[in-house]
């Protein structure tokens, strides 16, 4: 089951200006476990806590992206992540060296379809669609 919720991660601040609280905007289930990736969600929340803790030492343009293999899965599952002060993305079961910018664009373009449980095909330059997608941000959750 796909779902959205208003899971609060917490407000962040930069240079004295409050940032909006992030909420879970997009959450698809893992195709291998049939549930949302709990370890992935915990990692997203930790990324946002770290950005929050950095406070005004980072600028609004700050970005961090990368790949990680979490040990909570019973199979090899590479995750890609991308975080800014205003949004956080996690993509499960991706190909090594997949274009993270293209993954973010895929999630943004297909947010409504993914939240409905649809699995849109991946456009070039993606090798294939990610197995699961989670996104947090300052926008409104989609039904």
Protein backbone atom coordinates (compact mmCIF):
# COMPACT_ATOMS: atom_id res chain seq x y z
CA UNK A 1 0.00 0.00 0.00
CA UNK A 2 1.31 3.43 -0.88
CA UNK A 3 0.67 6.25 1.49
CA UNK A 4 1.40 9.81 2.42
CA UNK A 5 1.36 11.38 5.82
CA UNK A 6 2.34 14.53 7.62
CA UNK A 7 5.30 12.99 9.43
CA UNK A 8 7.16 15.95 10.91
CA UNK A 9 10.94 15.96 10.86
CA UNK A 10 11.40 19.40 12.36
CA UNK A 11 12.02 22.98 11.47
CA UNK A 12 15.39 24.12 10.23
CA UNK A 13 16.87 27.56 10.41
CA UNK A 14 19.38 29.37 8.29
CA UNK A 15 20.84 32.79 8.89
CA UNK A 16 18.08 33.55 11.40
CA UNK A 17 15.20 32.81 9.01
CA UNK A 18 12.98 29.86 10.00
CA UNK A 19 12.52 27.15 7.42
CA UNK A 20 9.25 25.33 7.01
CA UNK A 21 8.74 21.96 8.65
CA UNK A 22 9.20 19.01 6.32
CA UNK A 23 6.48 16.41 5.89
CA UNK A 24 6.41 13.04 4.18
CA UNK A 25 5.03 13.82 0.72
CA UNK A 26 5.65 10.58 -1.11
CA UNK A 27 6.08 7.03 0.12
CA UNK A 28 5.94 3.86 -1.95
CA UNK A 29 6.40 0.37 -0.62
CA UNK A 30 9.47 -1.74 -1.09
CA UNK A 31 8.77 -4.27 -3.85
CA UNK A 32 10.73 -6.91 -1.92
CA UNK A 33 9.27 -6.50 1.58
CA UNK A 34 5.85 -5.06 0.76
CA UNK A 35 6.16 -2.24 3.30
CA UNK A 36 7.79 1.17 3.38
CA UNK A 37 11.53 1.04 3.98
CA UNK A 38 11.81 1.81 7.70
CA UNK A 39 15.62 2.02 7.63
CA UNK A 40 15.41 4.37 4.66
CA UNK A 41 12.90 6.59 6.42
CA UNK A 42 15.12 6.68 9.52
CA UNK A 43 18.05 7.71 7.33
CA UNK A 44 15.97 10.51 5.73
CA UNK A 45 14.96 11.79 9.16
CA UNK A 46 18.60 11.70 10.33
CA UNK A 47 19.71 13.66 7.26
CA UNK A 48 17.16 16.35 8.08
CA UNK A 49 18.13 16.38 11.78
CA UNK A 50 21.75 16.87 10.75
CA UNK A 51 20.82 19.76 8.47
CA UNK A 52 18.73 21.22 11.30
CA UNK A 53 21.60 20.86 13.76
CA UNK A 54 23.95 22.63 11.34
CA UNK A 55 21.68 25.68 11.59
CA UNK A 56 23.08 28.81 10.02
CA UNK A 57 26.43 27.17 9.26
CA UNK A 58 24.94 25.94 5.97
CA UNK A 59 23.38 28.04 3.24
CA UNK A 60 19.99 27.55 1.61
CA UNK A 61 21.76 26.19 -1.50
CA UNK A 62 23.31 23.28 0.47
CA UNK A 63 22.84 19.84 -1.12
CA UNK A 64 24.09 16.39 -0.28
CA UNK A 65 23.63 13.27 -2.42
CA UNK A 66 25.03 9.79 -2.44
CA UNK A 67 24.51 6.06 -2.27
CA UNK A 68 24.28 3.72 0.69
CA UNK A 69 23.58 0.08 1.27
CA UNK A 70 21.64 -0.37 4.51
CA UNK A 71 22.05 -3.54 6.53
CA UNK A 72 18.37 -3.86 7.43
CA UNK A 73 17.41 -5.71 4.26
CA UNK A 74 17.72 -9.46 3.68
CA UNK A 75 19.02 -8.80 0.17
CA UNK A 76 21.48 -6.42 -1.42
CA UNK A 77 19.64 -3.12 -1.89
CA UNK A 78 21.41 0.03 -2.95
CA UNK A 79 19.72 3.29 -1.96
CA UNK A 80 20.32 6.73 -3.43
CA UNK A 81 19.60 9.86 -1.40
CA UNK A 82 19.45 13.60 -1.98
CA UNK A 83 18.85 16.21 0.72
CA UNK A 84 18.63 19.99 0.89
CA UNK A 85 17.38 22.26 3.67
CA UNK A 86 13.89 22.05 2.08
CA UNK A 87 13.58 18.52 0.71
CA UNK A 88 14.85 15.00 1.16
CA UNK A 89 14.58 12.08 -1.26
CA UNK A 90 15.35 8.40 -0.92
CA UNK A 91 15.28 5.90 -3.78
CA UNK A 92 15.39 2.17 -3.09
CA UNK A 93 16.83 -0.63 -5.17
CA UNK A 94 18.65 1.58 -7.67
CA UNK A 95 21.49 0.81 -10.05
CA UNK A 96 24.98 1.79 -8.98
CA UNK A 97 25.93 5.26 -10.27
CA UNK A 98 22.34 6.06 -11.27
CA UNK A 99 21.86 9.77 -12.01
CA UNK A 100 20.50 11.15 -8.73
CA UNK A 101 19.29 14.37 -10.38
CA UNK A 102 17.27 12.26 -12.82
CA UNK A 103 15.84 10.24 -9.90
CA UNK A 104 14.72 13.47 -8.18
CA UNK A 105 13.13 14.67 -11.43
CA UNK A 106 11.37 11.28 -11.79
CA UNK A 107 9.92 11.59 -8.27
CA UNK A 108 8.82 15.20 -8.77
CA UNK A 109 7.24 14.49 -12.16
CA UNK A 110 5.46 11.31 -11.03
CA UNK A 111 4.57 12.12 -7.40
CA UNK A 112 0.79 11.78 -7.84
CA UNK A 113 1.08 8.55 -9.87
CA UNK A 114 3.54 7.01 -7.40
CA UNK A 115 1.31 7.90 -4.44
CA UNK A 116 -1.60 6.16 -6.23
CA UNK A 117 0.51 3.00 -6.50
CA UNK A 118 1.31 3.33 -10.18
CA UNK A 119 4.82 2.56 -11.42
CA UNK A 120 5.64 4.95 -14.27
CA UNK A 121 8.43 3.79 -16.54
CA UNK A 122 11.77 5.50 -16.18
CA UNK A 123 12.77 8.07 -18.78
CA UNK A 124 16.32 8.37 -20.07
CA UNK A 125 18.90 8.75 -18.62
CA UNK A 126 17.61 6.41 -15.88
CA UNK A 127 18.45 2.75 -16.43
CA UNK A 128 15.17 1.70 -14.76
CA UNK A 129 12.62 3.06 -12.32
CA UNK A 130 13.64 2.89 -8.65
CA UNK A 131 12.12 0.07 -6.61
CA UNK A 132 10.74 2.51 -4.05
CA UNK A 133 10.61 6.26 -3.57
CA UNK A 134 10.23 8.44 -0.49
CA UNK A 135 10.22 12.22 -0.45
CA UNK A 136 9.92 14.77 2.33
CA UNK A 137 9.49 18.47 1.80
CA UNK A 138 7.75 21.65 2.72
CA UNK A 139 4.84 21.20 0.28
CA UNK A 140 1.47 19.55 0.80
CA UNK A 141 1.01 15.80 0.88
CA UNK A 142 -0.72 14.37 -2.17
CA UNK A 143 -3.66 11.98 -1.93
